[in-house]
């Protein structure tokens, strides 16, 4: 089973304060029953390095560079890179929501201060 052909992925939990998620682990499941846990940040979004070889470990086939190191990037694992891009987009939406909520809270406190000083 090729590493990019995962059939399931565990949910991730970004840091509640900063929404940072690149160091969060994600567990990928495969139809063979094999599982792989990696950090989201281990998946590169660039197309800089094609696979020069492959190796199999734990029932999963990984792309490797010339030295045999595993490479997970947009060229060798486009689905995993797509997952990381999707997570970026979702985190950006959450960040925008937080900004809107902060603006509403700020406006509310301005109104309370205005009416509080009038009394």
PDB file of N, CA and C in Angstrom:
ATOM      1  N   UNK A   1       0.847  -1.165   0.000  1.00  0.00           N
ATOM      2  CA  UNK A   1       0.000   0.000   0.000  1.00  0.00           C
ATOM      3  C   UNK A   1       0.900   1.238   0.000  1.00  0.00           C
ATOM      4  N   UNK A   2       0.689   2.121  -0.990  1.00  0.00           N
ATOM      5  CA  UNK A   2       1.494   3.332  -1.102  1.00  0.00           C
ATOM      6  C   UNK A   2       1.072   4.331  -0.038  1.00  0.00           C
ATOM      7  N   UNK A   3       2.020   5.022   0.552  1.00  0.00           N
ATOM      8  CA  UNK A   3       1.778   5.943   1.667  1.00  0.00           C
ATOM      9  C   UNK A   3       0.724   7.004   1.335  1.00  0.00           C
ATOM     10  N   UNK A   4       0.604   7.391   0.087  1.00  0.00           N
ATOM     11  CA  UNK A   4      -0.345   8.442  -0.300  1.00  0.00           C
ATOM     12  C   UNK A   4      -1.773   7.927  -0.468  1.00  0.00           C
ATOM     13  N   UNK A   5      -1.985   6.622  -0.331  1.00  0.00           N
ATOM     14  CA  UNK A   5      -3.311   6.051  -0.554  1.00  0.00           C
ATOM     15  C   UNK A   5      -4.029   5.699   0.745  1.00  0.00           C
ATOM     16  N   UNK A   6      -3.888   6.536   1.745  1.00  0.00           N
ATOM     17  CA  UNK A   6      -4.568   6.301   3.022  1.00  0.00           C
ATOM     18  C   UNK A   6      -6.078   6.375   2.814  1.00  0.00           C
ATOM     19  N   UNK A   7      -6.808   5.563   3.553  1.00  0.00           N
ATOM     20  CA  UNK A   7      -8.270   5.581   3.455  1.00  0.00           C
ATOM     21  C   UNK A   7      -8.906   6.315   4.616  1.00  0.00           C
ATOM     22  N   UNK A   8      -8.175   6.490   5.714  1.00  0.00           N
ATOM     23  CA  UNK A   8      -8.684   7.250   6.857  1.00  0.00           C
ATOM     24  C   UNK A   8      -7.570   8.125   7.414  1.00  0.00           C
ATOM     25  N   UNK A   9      -7.982   9.165   8.106  1.00  0.00           N
ATOM     26  CA  UNK A   9      -7.033  10.042   8.801  1.00  0.00           C
ATOM     27  C   UNK A   9      -7.682  10.477  10.107  1.00  0.00           C
ATOM     28  N   UNK A  10      -6.907  10.440  11.166  1.00  0.00           N
ATOM     29  CA  UNK A  10      -7.439  10.850  12.467  1.00  0.00           C
ATOM     30  C   UNK A  10      -7.614  12.366  12.491  1.00  0.00           C
ATOM     31  N   UNK A  11      -8.536  12.858  13.312  1.00  0.00           N
ATOM     32  CA  UNK A  11      -8.675  14.312  13.445  1.00  0.00           C
ATOM     33  C   UNK A  11      -7.454  14.896  14.149  1.00  0.00           C
ATOM     34  N   UNK A  12      -7.169  16.139  13.866  1.00  0.00           N
ATOM     35  CA  UNK A  12      -6.090  16.814  14.577  1.00  0.00           C
ATOM     36  C   UNK A  12      -6.701  17.880  15.474  1.00  0.00           C
ATOM     37  N   UNK A  13      -5.970  18.259  16.484  1.00  0.00           N
ATOM     38  CA  UNK A  13      -6.417  19.295  17.410  1.00  0.00           C
ATOM     39  C   UNK A  13      -5.371  20.396  17.433  1.00  0.00           C
ATOM     40  N   UNK A  14      -5.637  21.506  16.732  1.00  0.00           N
ATOM     41  CA  UNK A  14      -4.668  22.599  16.750  1.00  0.00           C
ATOM     42  C   UNK A  14      -4.577  23.215  18.147  1.00  0.00           C
ATOM     43  N   UNK A  15      -3.482  23.897  18.396  1.00  0.00           N
ATOM     44  CA  UNK A  15      -3.319  24.613  19.658  1.00  0.00           C
ATOM     45  C   UNK A  15      -4.490  25.586  19.804  1.00  0.00           C
ATOM     46  N   UNK A  16      -5.154  25.575  20.931  1.00  0.00           N
ATOM     47  CA  UNK A  16      -6.374  26.363  21.108  1.00  0.00           C
ATOM     48  C   UNK A  16      -6.107  27.863  21.048  1.00  0.00           C
ATOM     49  N   UNK A  17      -4.919  28.280  21.407  1.00  0.00           N
ATOM     50  CA  UNK A  17      -4.628  29.706  21.436  1.00  0.00           C
ATOM     51  C   UNK A  17      -4.100  30.221  20.100  1.00  0.00           C
ATOM     52  N   UNK A  18      -3.129  29.526  19.547  1.00  0.00           N
ATOM     53  CA  UNK A  18      -2.469  30.005  18.333  1.00  0.00           C
ATOM     54  C   UNK A  18      -3.001  29.374  17.049  1.00  0.00           C
ATOM     55  N   UNK A  19      -3.755  28.294  17.171  1.00  0.00           N
ATOM     56  CA  UNK A  19      -4.243  27.504  16.040  1.00  0.00           C
ATOM     57  C   UNK A  19      -3.111  26.821  15.272  1.00  0.00           C
ATOM     58  N   UNK A  20      -1.940  26.748  15.862  1.00  0.00           N
ATOM     59  CA  UNK A  20      -0.809  26.050  15.250  1.00  0.00           C
ATOM     60  C   UNK A  20      -1.131  24.561  15.179  1.00  0.00           C
ATOM     61  N   UNK A  21      -0.846  23.952  14.033  1.00  0.00           N
ATOM     62  CA  UNK A  21      -1.182  22.539  13.871  1.00  0.00           C
ATOM     63  C   UNK A  21      -0.087  21.716  13.202  1.00  0.00           C
ATOM     64  N   UNK A  22       0.994  22.320  12.783  1.00  0.00           N
ATOM     65  CA  UNK A  22       2.013  21.588  12.040  1.00  0.00           C
ATOM     66  C   UNK A  22       2.716  20.526  12.877  1.00  0.00           C
ATOM     67  N   UNK A  23       2.757  20.685  14.188  1.00  0.00           N
ATOM     68  CA  UNK A  23       3.390  19.684  15.045  1.00  0.00           C
ATOM     69  C   UNK A  23       2.402  18.642  15.546  1.00  0.00           C
ATOM     70  N   UNK A  24       1.160  18.724  15.099  1.00  0.00           N
ATOM     71  CA  UNK A  24       0.138  17.781  15.535  1.00  0.00           C
ATOM     72  C   UNK A  24       0.266  16.463  14.777  1.00  0.00           C
ATOM     73  N   UNK A  25       0.109  15.357  15.480  1.00  0.00           N
ATOM     74  CA  UNK A  25       0.168  14.057  14.802  1.00  0.00           C
ATOM     75  C   UNK A  25      -1.147  13.738  14.100  1.00  0.00           C
ATOM     76  N   UNK A  26      -1.036  13.058  12.994  1.00  0.00           N
ATOM     77  CA  UNK A  26      -2.194  12.536  12.286  1.00  0.00           C
ATOM     78  C   UNK A  26      -1.900  11.062  12.006  1.00  0.00           C
ATOM     79  N   UNK A  27      -2.878  10.225  12.299  1.00  0.00           N
ATOM     80  CA  UNK A  27      -2.715   8.794  12.054  1.00  0.00           C
ATOM     81  C   UNK A  27      -3.469   8.431  10.788  1.00  0.00           C
ATOM     82  N   UNK A  28      -2.738   7.906   9.832  1.00  0.00           N
ATOM     83  CA  UNK A  28      -3.311   7.511   8.551  1.00  0.00           C
ATOM     84  C   UNK A  28      -3.582   6.014   8.586  1.00  0.00           C
ATOM     85  N   UNK A  29      -4.739   5.624   8.110  1.00  0.00           N
ATOM     86  CA  UNK A  29      -5.106   4.219   8.051  1.00  0.00           C
ATOM     87  C   UNK A  29      -5.207   3.753   6.613  1.00  0.00           C
ATOM     88  N   UNK A  30      -4.852   2.522   6.381  1.00  0.00           N
ATOM     89  CA  UNK A  30      -4.837   1.953   5.034  1.00  0.00           C
ATOM     90  C   UNK A  30      -5.755   0.744   4.965  1.00  0.00           C
ATOM     91  N   UNK A  31      -6.196   0.410   3.779  1.00  0.00           N
ATOM     92  CA  UNK A  31      -7.148  -0.687   3.602  1.00  0.00           C
ATOM     93  C   UNK A  31      -6.569  -2.030   4.045  1.00  0.00           C
ATOM     94  N   UNK A  32      -5.272  -2.131   4.126  1.00  0.00           N
ATOM     95  CA  UNK A  32      -4.632  -3.366   4.575  1.00  0.00           C
ATOM     96  C   UNK A  32      -4.627  -3.499   6.097  1.00  0.00           C
ATOM     97  N   UNK A  33      -5.045  -2.443   6.784  1.00  0.00           N
ATOM     98  CA  UNK A  33      -5.002  -2.429   8.243  1.00  0.00           C
ATOM     99  C   UNK A  33      -3.766  -1.737   8.788  1.00  0.00           C
ATOM    100  N   UNK A  34      -2.808  -1.441   7.932  1.00  0.00           N
ATOM    101  CA  UNK A  34      -1.592  -0.741   8.363  1.00  0.00           C
ATOM    102  C   UNK A  34      -1.944   0.678   8.777  1.00  0.00           C
ATOM    103  N   UNK A  35      -1.160   1.217   9.701  1.00  0.00           N
ATOM    104  CA  UNK A  35      -1.344   2.595  10.151  1.00  0.00           C
ATOM    105  C   UNK A  35       0.006   3.296  10.184  1.00  0.00           C
ATOM    106  N   UNK A  36      -0.040   4.593   9.982  1.00  0.00           N
ATOM    107  CA  UNK A  36       1.151   5.434  10.023  1.00  0.00           C
ATOM    108  C   UNK A  36       0.791   6.709  10.756  1.00  0.00           C
ATOM    109  N   UNK A  37       1.589   7.084  11.746  1.00  0.00           N
ATOM    110  CA  UNK A  37       1.390   8.345  12.445  1.00  0.00           C
ATOM    111  C   UNK A  37       2.555   9.266  12.110  1.00  0.00           C
ATOM    112  N   UNK A  38       2.225  10.438  11.579  1.00  0.00           N
ATOM    113  CA  UNK A  38       3.228  11.445  11.242  1.00  0.00           C
ATOM    114  C   UNK A  38       2.737  12.798  11.729  1.00  0.00           C
ATOM    115  N   UNK A  39       3.646  13.766  11.778  1.00  0.00           N
ATOM    116  CA  UNK A  39       3.248  15.144  12.071  1.00  0.00           C
ATOM    117  C   UNK A  39       2.801  15.790  10.770  1.00  0.00           C
ATOM    118  N   UNK A  40       1.795  16.637  10.846  1.00  0.00           N
ATOM    119  CA  UNK A  40       1.291  17.321   9.650  1.00  0.00           C
ATOM    120  C   UNK A  40       2.426  18.085   8.969  1.00  0.00           C
ATOM    121  N   UNK A  41       3.310  18.686   9.763  1.00  0.00           N
ATOM    122  CA  UNK A  41       4.417  19.462   9.213  1.00  0.00           C
ATOM    123  C   UNK A  41       5.458  18.633   8.482  1.00  0.00           C
ATOM    124  N   UNK A  42       5.410  17.304   8.624  1.00  0.00           N
ATOM    125  CA  UNK A  42       6.345  16.442   7.898  1.00  0.00           C
ATOM    126  C   UNK A  42       6.000  16.345   6.418  1.00  0.00           C
ATOM    127  N   UNK A  43       4.826  16.817   6.057  1.00  0.00           N
ATOM    128  CA  UNK A  43       4.385  16.777   4.658  1.00  0.00           C
ATOM    129  C   UNK A  43       4.705  18.128   4.031  1.00  0.00           C
ATOM    130  N   UNK A  44       5.617  18.138   3.087  1.00  0.00           N
ATOM    131  CA  UNK A  44       6.028  19.373   2.425  1.00  0.00           C
ATOM    132  C   UNK A  44       5.045  19.725   1.311  1.00  0.00           C
ATOM    133  N   UNK A  45       4.843  21.007   1.100  1.00  0.00           N
ATOM    134  CA  UNK A  45       3.935  21.451   0.042  1.00  0.00           C
ATOM    135  C   UNK A  45       4.662  21.786  -1.259  1.00  0.00           C
ATOM    136  N   UNK A  46       5.969  21.566  -1.305  1.00  0.00           N
ATOM    137  CA  UNK A  46       6.702  21.905  -2.528  1.00  0.00           C
ATOM    138  C   UNK A  46       6.812  20.704  -3.475  1.00  0.00           C
ATOM    139  N   UNK A  47       7.220  21.017  -4.681  1.00  0.00           N
ATOM    140  CA  UNK A  47       7.393  20.002  -5.721  1.00  0.00           C
ATOM    141  C   UNK A  47       8.875  19.808  -6.039  1.00  0.00           C
ATOM    142  N   UNK A  48       9.736  20.082  -5.075  1.00  0.00           N
ATOM    143  CA  UNK A  48      11.158  20.187  -5.365  1.00  0.00           C
ATOM    144  C   UNK A  48      11.891  18.864  -5.546  1.00  0.00           C
ATOM    145  N   UNK A  49      11.372  17.778  -4.989  1.00  0.00           N
ATOM    146  CA  UNK A  49      12.163  16.556  -5.023  1.00  0.00           C
ATOM    147  C   UNK A  49      11.326  15.349  -5.444  1.00  0.00           C
ATOM    148  N   UNK A  50      11.570  14.822  -6.625  1.00  0.00           N
ATOM    149  CA  UNK A  50      10.879  13.587  -7.020  1.00  0.00           C
ATOM    150  C   UNK A  50      11.493  12.383  -6.310  1.00  0.00           C
ATOM    151  N   UNK A  51      10.763  11.314  -6.256  1.00  0.00           N
ATOM    152  CA  UNK A  51      11.271  10.086  -5.643  1.00  0.00           C
ATOM    153  C   UNK A  51      12.355   9.480  -6.519  1.00  0.00           C
ATOM    154  N   UNK A  52      13.419   9.045  -5.888  1.00  0.00           N
ATOM    155  CA  UNK A  52      14.485   8.345  -6.611  1.00  0.00           C
ATOM    156  C   UNK A  52      14.458   6.856  -6.317  1.00  0.00           C
ATOM    157  N   UNK A  53      13.603   6.474  -5.392  1.00  0.00           N
ATOM    158  CA  UNK A  53      13.465   5.075  -5.044  1.00  0.00           C
ATOM    159  C   UNK A  53      12.278   4.905  -4.112  1.00  0.00           C
ATOM    160  N   UNK A  54      12.051   3.671  -3.709  1.00  0.00           N
ATOM    161  CA  UNK A  54      10.936   3.363  -2.815  1.00  0.00           C
ATOM    162  C   UNK A  54      11.388   2.300  -1.834  1.00  0.00           C
ATOM    163  N   UNK A  55      10.797   2.327  -0.649  1.00  0.00           N
ATOM    164  CA  UNK A  55      11.070   1.262   0.313  1.00  0.00           C
ATOM    165  C   UNK A  55       9.777   0.919   1.033  1.00  0.00           C
ATOM    166  N   UNK A  56       9.713  -0.310   1.479  1.00  0.00           N
ATOM    167  CA  UNK A  56       8.513  -0.787   2.151  1.00  0.00           C
ATOM    168  C   UNK A  56       8.841  -1.059   3.615  1.00  0.00           C
ATOM    169  N   UNK A  57       7.963  -0.581   4.479  1.00  0.00           N
ATOM    170  CA  UNK A  57       8.130  -0.803   5.915  1.00  0.00           C
ATOM    171  C   UNK A  57       6.749  -0.889   6.542  1.00  0.00           C
ATOM    172  N   UNK A  58       6.514  -1.921   7.328  1.00  0.00           N
ATOM    173  CA  UNK A  58       5.227  -2.065   8.004  1.00  0.00           C
ATOM    174  C   UNK A  58       4.050  -2.182   7.051  1.00  0.00           C
ATOM    175  N   UNK A  59       4.292  -2.695   5.859  1.00  0.00           N
ATOM    176  CA  UNK A  59       3.224  -2.857   4.880  1.00  0.00           C
ATOM    177  C   UNK A  59       2.916  -1.599   4.084  1.00  0.00           C
ATOM    178  N   UNK A  60       3.711  -0.547   4.257  1.00  0.00           N
ATOM    179  CA  UNK A  60       3.497   0.722   3.553  1.00  0.00           C
ATOM    180  C   UNK A  60       4.718   1.022   2.704  1.00  0.00           C
ATOM    181  N   UNK A  61       4.488   1.442   1.457  1.00  0.00           N
ATOM    182  CA  UNK A  61       5.563   1.801   0.537  1.00  0.00           C
ATOM    183  C   UNK A  61       5.768   3.313   0.594  1.00  0.00           C
ATOM    184  N   UNK A  62       7.026   3.724   0.795  1.00  0.00           N
ATOM    185  CA  UNK A  62       7.388   5.133   0.927  1.00  0.00           C
ATOM    186  C   UNK A  62       8.293   5.567  -0.212  1.00  0.00           C
ATOM    187  N   UNK A  63       8.114   6.807  -0.706  1.00  0.00           N
ATOM    188  CA  UNK A  63       9.065   7.344  -1.678  1.00  0.00           C
ATOM    189  C   UNK A  63      10.326   7.788  -0.937  1.00  0.00           C
ATOM    190  N   UNK A  64      11.470   7.603  -1.563  1.00  0.00           N
ATOM    191  CA  UNK A  64      12.728   7.982  -0.929  1.00  0.00           C
ATOM    192  C   UNK A  64      13.593   8.804  -1.880  1.00  0.00           C
ATOM    193  N   UNK A  65      14.537   9.534  -1.286  1.00  0.00           N
ATOM    194  CA  UNK A  65      15.533  10.237  -2.092  1.00  0.00           C
ATOM    195  C   UNK A  65      16.703   9.294  -2.349  1.00  0.00           C
ATOM    196  N   UNK A  66      17.768   9.822  -2.936  1.00  0.00           N
ATOM    197  CA  UNK A  66      18.908   8.987  -3.309  1.00  0.00           C
ATOM    198  C   UNK A  66      19.575   8.331  -2.100  1.00  0.00           C
ATOM    199  N   UNK A  67      19.480   8.979  -0.935  1.00  0.00           N
ATOM    200  CA  UNK A  67      20.113   8.418   0.264  1.00  0.00           C
ATOM    201  C   UNK A  67      19.212   7.432   1.004  1.00  0.00           C
ATOM    202  N   UNK A  68      17.978   7.268   0.528  1.00  0.00           N
ATOM    203  CA  UNK A  68      17.046   6.343   1.166  1.00  0.00           C
ATOM    204  C   UNK A  68      16.149   6.976   2.204  1.00  0.00           C
ATOM    205  N   UNK A  69      16.248   8.299   2.374  1.00  0.00           N
ATOM    206  CA  UNK A  69      15.380   9.007   3.318  1.00  0.00           C
ATOM    207  C   UNK A  69      13.989   9.189   2.719  1.00  0.00           C
ATOM    208  N   UNK A  70      12.977   9.003   3.538  1.00  0.00           N
ATOM    209  CA  UNK A  70      11.589   9.162   3.089  1.00  0.00           C
ATOM    210  C   UNK A  70      11.334  10.627   2.762  1.00  0.00           C
ATOM    211  N   UNK A  71      10.659  10.863   1.641  1.00  0.00           N
ATOM    212  CA  UNK A  71      10.276  12.234   1.261  1.00  0.00           C
ATOM    213  C   UNK A  71       8.769  12.266   1.036  1.00  0.00           C
ATOM    214  N   UNK A  72       8.127  13.138   1.767  1.00  0.00           N
ATOM    215  CA  UNK A  72       6.687  13.348   1.630  1.00  0.00           C
ATOM    216  C   UNK A  72       6.496  14.786   1.172  1.00  0.00           C
ATOM    217  N   UNK A  73       6.231  14.973  -0.105  1.00  0.00           N
ATOM    218  CA  UNK A  73       6.023  16.316  -0.634  1.00  0.00           C
ATOM    219  C   UNK A  73       4.892  16.297  -1.658  1.00  0.00           C
ATOM    220  N   UNK A  74       4.612  17.451  -2.224  1.00  0.00           N
ATOM    221  CA  UNK A  74       3.482  17.571  -3.143  1.00  0.00           C
ATOM    222  C   UNK A  74       3.666  16.736  -4.406  1.00  0.00           C
ATOM    223  N   UNK A  75       4.891  16.425  -4.750  1.00  0.00           N
ATOM    224  CA  UNK A  75       5.124  15.612  -5.948  1.00  0.00           C
ATOM    225  C   UNK A  75       4.992  14.121  -5.647  1.00  0.00           C
ATOM    226  N   UNK A  76       5.549  13.673  -4.540  1.00  0.00           N
ATOM    227  CA  UNK A  76       5.544  12.243  -4.241  1.00  0.00           C
ATOM    228  C   UNK A  76       4.269  11.797  -3.528  1.00  0.00           C
ATOM    229  N   UNK A  77       3.624  12.718  -2.819  1.00  0.00           N
ATOM    230  CA  UNK A  77       2.401  12.383  -2.072  1.00  0.00           C
ATOM    231  C   UNK A  77       1.380  13.518  -2.219  1.00  0.00           C
ATOM    232  N   UNK A  78       0.809  13.676  -3.416  1.00  0.00           N
ATOM    233  CA  UNK A  78      -0.107  14.795  -3.652  1.00  0.00           C
ATOM    234  C   UNK A  78      -1.353  14.770  -2.765  1.00  0.00           C
ATOM    235  N   UNK A  79      -1.844  13.603  -2.408  1.00  0.00           N
ATOM    236  CA  UNK A  79      -3.030  13.548  -1.549  1.00  0.00           C
ATOM    237  C   UNK A  79      -2.717  14.025  -0.137  1.00  0.00           C
ATOM    238  N   UNK A  80      -1.566  13.614   0.382  1.00  0.00           N
ATOM    239  CA  UNK A  80      -1.181  14.083   1.714  1.00  0.00           C
ATOM    240  C   UNK A  80      -0.923  15.586   1.696  1.00  0.00           C
ATOM    241  N   UNK A  81      -0.303  16.091   0.638  1.00  0.00           N
ATOM    242  CA  UNK A  81      -0.092  17.533   0.512  1.00  0.00           C
ATOM    243  C   UNK A  81      -1.444  18.253   0.414  1.00  0.00           C
ATOM    244  N   UNK A  82      -2.395  17.657  -0.292  1.00  0.00           N
ATOM    245  CA  UNK A  82      -3.741  18.232  -0.368  1.00  0.00           C
ATOM    246  C   UNK A  82      -4.405  18.277   0.997  1.00  0.00           C
ATOM    247  N   UNK A  83      -4.187  17.252   1.806  1.00  0.00           N
ATOM    248  CA  UNK A  83      -4.729  17.241   3.169  1.00  0.00           C
ATOM    249  C   UNK A  83      -4.140  18.403   3.970  1.00  0.00           C
ATOM    250  N   UNK A  84      -2.820  18.607   3.854  1.00  0.00           N
ATOM    251  CA  UNK A  84      -2.197  19.701   4.595  1.00  0.00           C
ATOM    252  C   UNK A  84      -2.726  21.051   4.112  1.00  0.00           C
ATOM    253  N   UNK A  85      -2.897  21.230   2.796  1.00  0.00           N
ATOM    254  CA  UNK A  85      -3.446  22.489   2.276  1.00  0.00           C
ATOM    255  C   UNK A  85      -4.865  22.698   2.798  1.00  0.00           C
ATOM    256  N   UNK A  86      -5.665  21.639   2.813  1.00  0.00           N
ATOM    257  CA  UNK A  86      -7.026  21.722   3.339  1.00  0.00           C
ATOM    258  C   UNK A  86      -7.013  22.173   4.799  1.00  0.00           C
ATOM    259  N   UNK A  87      -6.112  21.606   5.585  1.00  0.00           N
ATOM    260  CA  UNK A  87      -6.013  22.005   6.991  1.00  0.00           C
ATOM    261  C   UNK A  87      -5.637  23.473   7.115  1.00  0.00           C
ATOM    262  N   UNK A  88      -4.715  23.945   6.263  1.00  0.00           N
ATOM    263  CA  UNK A  88      -4.363  25.376   6.261  1.00  0.00           C
ATOM    264  C   UNK A  88      -5.603  26.232   5.996  1.00  0.00           C
ATOM    265  N   UNK A  89      -6.387  25.846   5.006  1.00  0.00           N
ATOM    266  CA  UNK A  89      -7.590  26.609   4.659  1.00  0.00           C
ATOM    267  C   UNK A  89      -8.593  26.623   5.811  1.00  0.00           C
ATOM    268  N   UNK A  90      -8.797  25.490   6.439  1.00  0.00           N
ATOM    269  CA  UNK A  90      -9.744  25.405   7.555  1.00  0.00           C
ATOM    270  C   UNK A  90      -9.272  26.220   8.753  1.00  0.00           C
ATOM    271  N   UNK A  91      -7.984  26.183   9.040  1.00  0.00           N
ATOM    272  CA  UNK A  91      -7.440  26.971  10.144  1.00  0.00           C
ATOM    273  C   UNK A  91      -7.568  28.459   9.828  1.00  0.00           C
ATOM    274  N   UNK A  92      -7.363  28.845   8.586  1.00  0.00           N
ATOM    275  CA  UNK A  92      -7.532  30.256   8.196  1.00  0.00           C
ATOM    276  C   UNK A  92      -8.973  30.706   8.417  1.00  0.00           C
ATOM    277  N   UNK A  93      -9.926  29.844   8.105  1.00  0.00           N
ATOM    278  CA  UNK A  93     -11.340  30.179   8.343  1.00  0.00           C
ATOM    279  C   UNK A  93     -11.589  30.379   9.830  1.00  0.00           C
ATOM    280  N   UNK A  94     -11.039  29.500  10.664  1.00  0.00           N
ATOM    281  CA  UNK A  94     -11.218  29.627  12.118  1.00  0.00           C
ATOM    282  C   UNK A  94     -10.589  30.911  12.632  1.00  0.00           C
ATOM    283  N   UNK A  95      -9.455  31.267  12.071  1.00  0.00           N
ATOM    284  CA  UNK A  95      -8.779  32.494  12.473  1.00  0.00           C
ATOM    285  C   UNK A  95      -9.623  33.717  12.112  1.00  0.00           C
ATOM    286  N   UNK A  96     -10.208  33.702  10.909  1.00  0.00           N
ATOM    287  CA  UNK A  96     -11.086  34.806  10.496  1.00  0.00           C
ATOM    288  C   UNK A  96     -12.296  34.912  11.411  1.00  0.00           C
ATOM    289  N   UNK A  97     -12.853  33.775  11.813  1.00  0.00           N
ATOM    290  CA  UNK A  97     -13.986  33.779  12.737  1.00  0.00           C
ATOM    291  C   UNK A  97     -13.590  34.398  14.067  1.00  0.00           C
ATOM    292  N   UNK A  98     -12.407  34.074  14.551  1.00  0.00           N
ATOM    293  CA  UNK A  98     -11.936  34.647  15.811  1.00  0.00           C
ATOM    294  C   UNK A  98     -11.786  36.162  15.709  1.00  0.00           C
ATOM    295  N   UNK A  99     -11.294  36.640  14.580  1.00  0.00           N
ATOM    296  CA  UNK A  99     -11.142  38.087  14.390  1.00  0.00           C
ATOM    297  C   UNK A  99     -12.518  38.754  14.400  1.00  0.00           C
ATOM    298  N   UNK A 100     -13.497  38.166  13.718  1.00  0.00           N
ATOM    299  CA  UNK A 100     -14.854  38.745  13.708  1.00  0.00           C
ATOM    300  C   UNK A 100     -15.442  38.772  15.121  1.00  0.00           C
ATOM    301  N   UNK A 101     -15.248  37.704  15.871  1.00  0.00           N
ATOM    302  CA  UNK A 101     -15.762  37.663  17.246  1.00  0.00           C
ATOM    303  C   UNK A 101     -15.073  38.728  18.090  1.00  0.00           C
ATOM    304  N   UNK A 102     -13.765  38.884  17.928  1.00  0.00           N
ATOM    305  CA  UNK A 102     -13.031  39.898  18.687  1.00  0.00           C
ATOM    306  C   UNK A 102     -13.528  41.294  18.339  1.00  0.00           C
ATOM    307  N   UNK A 103     -13.844  41.540  17.069  1.00  0.00           N
ATOM    308  CA  UNK A 103     -14.367  42.847  16.666  1.00  0.00           C
ATOM    309  C   UNK A 103     -15.735  43.105  17.297  1.00  0.00           C
ATOM    310  N   UNK A 104     -16.566  42.077  17.354  1.00  0.00           N
ATOM    311  CA  UNK A 104     -17.890  42.222  17.974  1.00  0.00           C
ATOM    312  C   UNK A 104     -17.747  42.512  19.459  1.00  0.00           C
ATOM    313  N   UNK A 105     -16.867  41.782  20.127  1.00  0.00           N
ATOM    314  CA  UNK A 105     -16.644  42.002  21.562  1.00  0.00           C
ATOM    315  C   UNK A 105     -16.123  43.412  21.798  1.00  0.00           C
ATOM    316  N   UNK A 106     -15.203  43.869  20.967  1.00  0.00           N
ATOM    317  CA  UNK A 106     -14.667  45.225  21.109  1.00  0.00           C
ATOM    318  C   UNK A 106     -15.775  46.265  20.937  1.00  0.00           C
ATOM    319  N   UNK A 107     -16.598  46.092  19.922  1.00  0.00           N
ATOM    320  CA  UNK A 107     -17.714  47.024  19.700  1.00  0.00           C
ATOM    321  C   UNK A 107     -18.669  47.025  20.892  1.00  0.00           C
ATOM    322  N   UNK A 108     -18.947  45.854  21.420  1.00  0.00           N
ATOM    323  CA  UNK A 108     -19.837  45.735  22.566  1.00  0.00           C
ATOM    324  C   UNK A 108     -19.259  46.468  23.781  1.00  0.00           C
ATOM    325  N   UNK A 109     -17.971  46.290  24.033  1.00  0.00           N
ATOM    326  CA  UNK A 109     -17.372  46.979  25.182  1.00  0.00           C
ATOM    327  C   UNK A 109     -17.363  48.488  24.976  1.00  0.00           C
ATOM    328  N   UNK A 110     -17.190  48.960  23.743  1.00  0.00           N
ATOM    329  CA  UNK A 110     -17.277  50.398  23.470  1.00  0.00           C
ATOM    330  C   UNK A 110     -18.667  50.926  23.787  1.00  0.00           C
ATOM    331  N   UNK A 111     -19.701  50.169  23.410  1.00  0.00           N
ATOM    332  CA  UNK A 111     -21.076  50.582  23.677  1.00  0.00           C
ATOM    333  C   UNK A 111     -21.342  50.599  25.178  1.00  0.00           C
ATOM    334  N   UNK A 112     -20.902  49.579  25.886  1.00  0.00           N
ATOM    335  CA  UNK A 112     -21.097  49.524  27.342  1.00  0.00           C
ATOM    336  C   UNK A 112     -20.370  50.692  27.999  1.00  0.00           C
ATOM    337  N   UNK A 113     -19.164  50.982  27.582  1.00  0.00           N
ATOM    338  CA  UNK A 113     -18.420  52.112  28.157  1.00  0.00           C
ATOM    339  C   UNK A 113     -19.114  53.419  27.870  1.00  0.00           C
ATOM    340  N   UNK A 114     -19.659  53.573  26.678  1.00  0.00           N
ATOM    341  CA  UNK A 114     -20.350  54.816  26.306  1.00  0.00           C
ATOM    342  C   UNK A 114     -21.588  55.007  27.189  1.00  0.00           C
ATOM    343  N   UNK A 115     -22.392  53.968  27.315  1.00  0.00           N
ATOM    344  CA  UNK A 115     -23.616  54.079  28.139  1.00  0.00           C
ATOM    345  C   UNK A 115     -23.285  54.112  29.624  1.00  0.00           C
ATOM    346  N   UNK A 116     -22.218  53.461  30.034  1.00  0.00           N
ATOM    347  CA  UNK A 116     -21.827  53.471  31.437  1.00  0.00           C
ATOM    348  C   UNK A 116     -21.383  54.826  31.881  1.00  0.00           C
ATOM    349  N   UNK A 117     -20.736  55.588  31.013  1.00  0.00           N
ATOM    350  CA  UNK A 117     -20.281  56.939  31.373  1.00  0.00           C
ATOM    351  C   UNK A 117     -21.412  57.949  31.306  1.00  0.00           C
ATOM    352  N   UNK A 118     -22.496  57.598  30.634  1.00  0.00           N
ATOM    353  CA  UNK A 118     -23.647  58.520  30.527  1.00  0.00           C
ATOM    354  C   UNK A 118     -24.488  58.505  31.791  1.00  0.00           C
ATOM    355  N   UNK A 119     -24.375  57.453  32.584  1.00  0.00           N
ATOM    356  CA  UNK A 119     -25.222  57.325  33.788  1.00  0.00           C
ATOM    357  C   UNK A 119     -24.667  58.070  34.923  1.00  0.00           C
TER     358      UNK A 119
END
